PDB file of N, CA and C in Angstrom:
ATOM      1  N   MET A   1     222.598  85.204 215.781  1.00  0.00           N
ATOM      2  CA  MET A   1     223.961  84.978 216.000  1.00  0.00           C
ATOM      3  C   MET A   1     224.057  84.590 217.595  1.00  0.00           C
ATOM      4  N   ALA A   2     223.500  85.321 218.473  1.00  0.00           N
ATOM      5  CA  ALA A   2     223.799  85.116 219.789  1.00  0.00           C
ATOM      6  C   ALA A   2     223.207  83.835 220.429  1.00  0.00           C
ATOM      7  N   LYS A   3     222.229  83.294 219.669  1.00  0.00           N
ATOM      8  CA  LYS A   3     221.744  81.942 220.047  1.00  0.00           C
ATOM      9  C   LYS A   3     222.906  80.871 219.512  1.00  0.00           C
ATOM     10  N   VAL A   4     223.410  81.080 218.563  1.00  0.00           N
ATOM     11  CA  VAL A   4     224.619  80.120 218.096  1.00  0.00           C
ATOM     12  C   VAL A   4     225.690  80.171 219.189  1.00  0.00           C
ATOM     13  N   THR A   5     226.195  81.208 219.462  1.00  0.00           N
ATOM     14  CA  THR A   5     227.315  81.404 220.630  1.00  0.00           C
ATOM     15  C   THR A   5     226.826  80.810 221.698  1.00  0.00           C
ATOM     16  N   GLU A   6     225.691  81.096 222.246  1.00  0.00           N
ATOM     17  CA  GLU A   6     225.248  80.342 223.576  1.00  0.00           C
ATOM     18  C   GLU A   6     225.149  78.950 223.459  1.00  0.00           C
ATOM     19  N   TYR A   7     224.723  78.425 222.399  1.00  0.00           N
ATOM     20  CA  TYR A   7     224.749  76.924 222.178  1.00  0.00           C
ATOM     21  C   TYR A   7     226.106  76.457 222.189  1.00  0.00           C
ATOM     22  N   ILE A   8     227.108  77.032 221.617  1.00  0.00           N
ATOM     23  CA  ILE A   8     228.299  76.599 221.510  1.00  0.00           C
ATOM     24  C   ILE A   8     229.095  76.563 222.909  1.00  0.00           C
ATOM     25  N   LYS A   9     228.755  77.580 223.742  1.00  0.00           N
ATOM     26  CA  LYS A   9     229.295  77.811 225.076  1.00  0.00           C
ATOM     27  C   LYS A   9     228.643  76.746 225.829  1.00  0.00           C
ATOM     28  N   GLU A  10     227.463  76.569 225.840  1.00  0.00           N
ATOM     29  CA  GLU A  10     226.863  75.443 226.733  1.00  0.00           C
ATOM     30  C   GLU A  10     227.170  74.086 226.328  1.00  0.00           C
ATOM     31  N   SER A  11     227.532  73.833 224.949  1.00  0.00           N
ATOM     32  CA  SER A  11     227.879  72.598 224.521  1.00  0.00           C
ATOM     33  C   SER A  11     229.434  72.126 225.075  1.00  0.00           C
ATOM     34  N   TYR A  12     230.197  73.315 225.044  1.00  0.00           N
ATOM     35  CA  TYR A  12     231.514  73.119 225.525  1.00  0.00           C
ATOM     36  C   TYR A  12     231.398  72.891 227.051  1.00  0.00           C
ATOM     37  N   GLU A  13     230.718  73.597 227.711  1.00  0.00           N
ATOM     38  CA  GLU A  13     230.663  73.403 229.237  1.00  0.00           C
ATOM     39  C   GLU A  13     230.115  71.954 229.540  1.00  0.00           C
ATOM     40  N   GLU A  14     229.071  71.480 228.868  1.00  0.00           N
ATOM     41  CA  GLU A  14     228.613  70.076 228.937  1.00  0.00           C
ATOM     42  C   GLU A  14     229.671  69.186 228.702  1.00  0.00           C
ATOM     43  N   LEU A  15     230.439  69.251 227.589  1.00  0.00           N
ATOM     44  CA  LEU A  15     231.512  68.275 227.405  1.00  0.00           C
ATOM     45  C   LEU A  15     232.709  68.345 228.350  1.00  0.00           C
ATOM     46  N   THR A  16     233.028  69.540 229.029  1.00  0.00           N
ATOM     47  CA  THR A  16     234.006  69.599 229.682  1.00  0.00           C
ATOM     48  C   THR A  16     233.769  69.221 231.226  1.00  0.00           C
ATOM     49  N   ASP A  17     232.489  69.585 231.724  1.00  0.00           N
ATOM     50  CA  ASP A  17     232.256  69.573 233.170  1.00  0.00           C
ATOM     51  C   ASP A  17     231.248  68.265 233.387  1.00  0.00           C
ATOM     52  N   LYS A  18     230.154  68.014 232.445  1.00  0.00           N
ATOM     53  CA  LYS A  18     229.225  67.137 232.794  1.00  0.00           C
ATOM     54  C   LYS A  18     229.450  65.620 232.099  1.00  0.00           C
ATOM     55  N   VAL A  19     230.046  65.559 231.189  1.00  0.00           N
ATOM     56  CA  VAL A  19     230.500  64.300 230.416  1.00  0.00           C
ATOM     57  C   VAL A  19     231.521  63.508 231.238  1.00  0.00           C
ATOM     58  N   THR A  20     231.127  62.156 231.420  1.00  0.00           N
ATOM     59  CA  THR A  20     232.349  61.346 232.139  1.00  0.00           C
ATOM     60  C   THR A  20     232.965  60.519 230.929  1.00  0.00           C
ATOM     61  N   TRP A  21     234.133  60.883 230.660  1.00  0.00           N
ATOM     62  CA  TRP A  21     234.976  60.259 229.610  1.00  0.00           C
ATOM     63  C   TRP A  21     235.446  58.925 230.134  1.00  0.00           C
ATOM     64  N   PRO A  22     235.542  57.788 229.400  1.00  0.00           N
ATOM     65  CA  PRO A  22     236.050  56.495 229.706  1.00  0.00           C
ATOM     66  C   PRO A  22     237.686  56.638 229.909  1.00  0.00           C
ATOM     67  N   THR A  23     238.047  55.970 230.841  1.00  0.00           N
ATOM     68  CA  THR A  23     239.548  55.711 231.058  1.00  0.00           C
ATOM     69  C   THR A  23     240.271  54.957 229.870  1.00  0.00           C
ATOM     70  N   TRP A  24     241.568  55.047 229.949  1.00  0.00           N
ATOM     71  CA  TRP A  24     242.197  54.446 228.807  1.00  0.00           C
ATOM     72  C   TRP A  24     242.056  52.824 228.846  1.00  0.00           C
ATOM     73  N   SER A  25     241.866  52.253 229.932  1.00  0.00           N
ATOM     74  CA  SER A  25     241.789  50.883 229.944  1.00  0.00           C
ATOM     75  C   SER A  25     240.076  50.433 229.632  1.00  0.00           C
ATOM     76  N   GLU A  26     239.239  51.246 229.898  1.00  0.00           N
ATOM     77  CA  GLU A  26     238.034  51.019 229.498  1.00  0.00           C
ATOM     78  C   GLU A  26     237.882  51.205 227.871  1.00  0.00           C
ATOM     79  N   LEU A  27     238.432  52.277 227.447  1.00  0.00           N
ATOM     80  CA  LEU A  27     238.390  52.463 226.048  1.00  0.00           C
ATOM     81  C   LEU A  27     239.058  51.233 225.390  1.00  0.00           C
ATOM     82  N   GLN A  28     240.226  50.694 225.815  1.00  0.00           N
ATOM     83  CA  GLN A  28     240.790  49.568 225.113  1.00  0.00           C
ATOM     84  C   GLN A  28     239.910  48.416 225.325  1.00  0.00           C
ATOM     85  N   SER A  29     239.417  48.111 226.539  1.00  0.00           N
ATOM     86  CA  SER A  29     238.330  47.061 226.622  1.00  0.00           C
ATOM     87  C   SER A  29     237.372  47.004 225.825  1.00  0.00           C
ATOM     88  N   SER A  30     236.636  48.098 225.645  1.00  0.00           N
ATOM     89  CA  SER A  30     235.547  48.398 224.601  1.00  0.00           C
ATOM     90  C   SER A  30     236.027  48.128 223.133  1.00  0.00           C
ATOM     91  N   ALA A  31     237.221  48.498 222.794  1.00  0.00           N
ATOM     92  CA  ALA A  31     237.713  48.438 221.457  1.00  0.00           C
ATOM     93  C   ALA A  31     237.856  47.018 221.239  1.00  0.00           C
ATOM     94  N   MET A  32     238.383  46.285 222.089  1.00  0.00           N
ATOM     95  CA  MET A  32     238.709  44.917 221.916  1.00  0.00           C
ATOM     96  C   MET A  32     237.546  44.033 221.792  1.00  0.00           C
ATOM     97  N   LEU A  33     236.333  44.629 222.522  1.00  0.00           N
ATOM     98  CA  LEU A  33     235.113  43.818 222.552  1.00  0.00           C
ATOM     99  C   LEU A  33     234.453  44.101 221.016  1.00  0.00           C
ATOM    100  N   VAL A  34     234.630  45.178 220.589  1.00  0.00           N
ATOM    101  CA  VAL A  34     233.975  45.565 219.170  1.00  0.00           C
ATOM    102  C   VAL A  34     234.779  44.902 218.051  1.00  0.00           C
ATOM    103  N   LEU A  35     236.231  44.680 218.207  1.00  0.00           N
ATOM    104  CA  LEU A  35     237.054  44.041 217.284  1.00  0.00           C
ATOM    105  C   LEU A  35     236.726  42.562 217.154  1.00  0.00           C
ATOM    106  N   VAL A  36     236.569  41.985 218.394  1.00  0.00           N
ATOM    107  CA  VAL A  36     236.112  40.510 218.433  1.00  0.00           C
ATOM    108  C   VAL A  36     234.703  40.421 217.748  1.00  0.00           C
ATOM    109  N   ALA A  37     233.831  41.047 218.245  1.00  0.00           N
ATOM    110  CA  ALA A  37     232.449  40.951 217.708  1.00  0.00           C
ATOM    111  C   ALA A  37     232.433  41.074 216.098  1.00  0.00           C
ATOM    112  N   ALA A  38     233.330  42.201 215.639  1.00  0.00           N
ATOM    113  CA  ALA A  38     233.219  42.313 214.244  1.00  0.00           C
ATOM    114  C   ALA A  38     233.930  41.228 213.417  1.00  0.00           C
ATOM    115  N   ILE A  39     235.104  40.522 214.139  1.00  0.00           N
ATOM    116  CA  ILE A  39     235.567  39.377 213.355  1.00  0.00           C
ATOM    117  C   ILE A  39     234.606  38.295 213.513  1.00  0.00           C
ATOM    118  N   ILE A  40     233.890  37.964 214.536  1.00  0.00           N
ATOM    119  CA  ILE A  40     233.001  36.962 214.376  1.00  0.00           C
ATOM    120  C   ILE A  40     231.849  37.192 213.405  1.00  0.00           C
ATOM    121  N   ILE A  41     231.370  38.275 213.411  1.00  0.00           N
ATOM    122  CA  ILE A  41     230.249  38.657 212.471  1.00  0.00           C
ATOM    123  C   ILE A  41     230.789  38.366 211.162  1.00  0.00           C
ATOM    124  N   ALA A  42     232.153  38.777 210.717  1.00  0.00           N
ATOM    125  CA  ALA A  42     232.742  38.732 209.478  1.00  0.00           C
ATOM    126  C   ALA A  42     232.841  37.132 209.050  1.00  0.00           C
ATOM    127  N   LEU A  43     233.271  36.455 210.030  1.00  0.00           N
ATOM    128  CA  LEU A  43     233.354  35.019 209.890  1.00  0.00           C
ATOM    129  C   LEU A  43     232.088  34.435 209.636  1.00  0.00           C
ATOM    130  N   ILE A  44     230.915  34.740 210.305  1.00  0.00           N
ATOM    131  CA  ILE A  44     229.633  34.142 209.983  1.00  0.00           C
ATOM    132  C   ILE A  44     229.240  34.483 208.570  1.00  0.00           C
ATOM    133  N   ILE A  45     229.533  35.610 208.355  1.00  0.00           N
ATOM    134  CA  ILE A  45     229.074  36.092 206.752  1.00  0.00           C
ATOM    135  C   ILE A  45     229.878  35.355 205.765  1.00  0.00           C
ATOM    136  N   LEU A  46     231.169  35.217 206.179  1.00  0.00           N
ATOM    137  CA  LEU A  46     232.082  34.498 205.131  1.00  0.00           C
ATOM    138  C   LEU A  46     231.715  32.959 204.998  1.00  0.00           C
ATOM    139  N   GLY A  47     231.273  32.446 206.193  1.00  0.00           N
ATOM    140  CA  GLY A  47     230.675  31.102 206.037  1.00  0.00           C
ATOM    141  C   GLY A  47     229.433  31.070 205.247  1.00  0.00           C
ATOM    142  N   MET A  48     228.483  31.864 205.273  1.00  0.00           N
ATOM    143  CA  MET A  48     227.172  31.882 204.595  1.00  0.00           C
ATOM    144  C   MET A  48     227.557  32.086 203.227  1.00  0.00           C
ATOM    145  N   ASP A  49     228.317  32.956 202.799  1.00  0.00           N
ATOM    146  CA  ASP A  49     228.698  33.236 201.560  1.00  0.00           C
ATOM    147  C   ASP A  49     229.419  31.987 200.994  1.00  0.00           C
ATOM    148  N   GLN A  50     230.278  31.416 201.539  1.00  0.00           N
ATOM    149  CA  GLN A  50     230.910  30.234 201.072  1.00  0.00           C
ATOM    150  C   GLN A  50     229.775  29.121 200.852  1.00  0.00           C
ATOM    151  N   ALA A  51     228.987  28.738 201.699  1.00  0.00           N
ATOM    152  CA  ALA A  51     227.740  27.916 201.638  1.00  0.00           C
ATOM    153  C   ALA A  51     227.023  28.145 200.652  1.00  0.00           C
ATOM    154  N   PHE A  52     226.376  29.320 200.275  1.00  0.00           N
ATOM    155  CA  PHE A  52     225.698  29.721 199.353  1.00  0.00           C
ATOM    156  C   PHE A  52     226.171  29.615 197.992  1.00  0.00           C
ATOM    157  N   GLY A  53     227.550  29.978 198.032  1.00  0.00           N
ATOM    158  CA  GLY A  53     228.437  29.840 196.766  1.00  0.00           C
ATOM    159  C   GLY A  53     228.458  28.404 196.366  1.00  0.00           C
ATOM    160  N   ASN A  54     228.830  27.544 197.250  1.00  0.00           N
ATOM    161  CA  ASN A  54     228.871  25.996 196.871  1.00  0.00           C
ATOM    162  C   ASN A  54     227.586  25.488 196.305  1.00  0.00           C
ATOM    163  N   LEU A  55     226.361  25.972 197.195  1.00  0.00           N
ATOM    164  CA  LEU A  55     225.070  25.491 196.764  1.00  0.00           C
ATOM    165  C   LEU A  55     224.727  25.703 195.333  1.00  0.00           C
ATOM    166  N   LEU A  56     225.201  27.108 194.968  1.00  0.00           N
ATOM    167  CA  LEU A  56     224.752  27.464 193.627  1.00  0.00           C
ATOM    168  C   LEU A  56     225.561  26.709 192.684  1.00  0.00           C
ATOM    169  N   HIS A  57     226.852  26.621 193.028  1.00  0.00           N
ATOM    170  CA  HIS A  57     227.745  25.900 192.125  1.00  0.00           C
ATOM    171  C   HIS A  57     227.308  24.499 191.693  1.00  0.00           C
ATOM    172  N   TYR A  58     226.935  24.011 192.829  1.00  0.00           N
ATOM    173  CA  TYR A  58     226.621  22.265 192.717  1.00  0.00           C
ATOM    174  C   TYR A  58     225.101  22.402 191.772  1.00  0.00           C
ATOM    175  N   PHE A  59     224.131  23.425 192.114  1.00  0.00           N
ATOM    176  CA  PHE A  59     222.838  23.731 191.405  1.00  0.00           C
ATOM    177  C   PHE A  59     223.251  23.706 189.961  1.00  0.00           C
ATOM    178  N   TYR A  60     224.001  24.732 189.676  1.00  0.00           N
ATOM    179  CA  TYR A  60     224.179  25.080 188.236  1.00  0.00           C
ATOM    180  C   TYR A  60     225.022  23.807 187.479  1.00  0.00           C
ATOM    181  N   LYS A  61     225.757  23.062 188.267  1.00  0.00           N
ATOM    182  CA  LYS A  61     226.592  22.085 187.647  1.00  0.00           C
ATOM    183  C   LYS A  61     225.616  20.940 187.365  1.00  0.00           C
ATOM    184  N   SER A  62     224.484  20.822 188.271  1.00  0.00           N
ATOM    185  CA  SER A  62     223.722  19.670 187.967  1.00  0.00           C
ATOM    186  C   SER A  62     222.724  19.980 186.831  1.00  0.00           C
ATOM    187  N   LEU A  63     222.375  21.207 186.435  1.00  0.00           N
ATOM    188  CA  LEU A  63     221.644  21.563 185.352  1.00  0.00           C
ATOM    189  C   LEU A  63     222.365  21.446 183.804  1.00  0.00           C
ATOM    190  N   ALA A  64     223.778  21.484 184.049  1.00  0.00           N
ATOM    191  CA  ALA A  64     224.442  21.317 182.813  1.00  0.00           C
ATOM    192  C   ALA A  64     224.683  19.970 182.295  1.00  0.00           C
TER     193      ALA A  64
END
């Protein structure tokens, strides 16, 4: 049990004294970057899905 207590104490000290947390503006900038990247990737996947959907639609239509 002493090892667990020591681990928690050391973790707390590490988080409060040694970790450099981002500023609010850095955090907002990073969040916007992630949001833009997620939207771009979602649009790419949407485009691929639509293209393959149309391709399969025309393929199955030509078989009938």
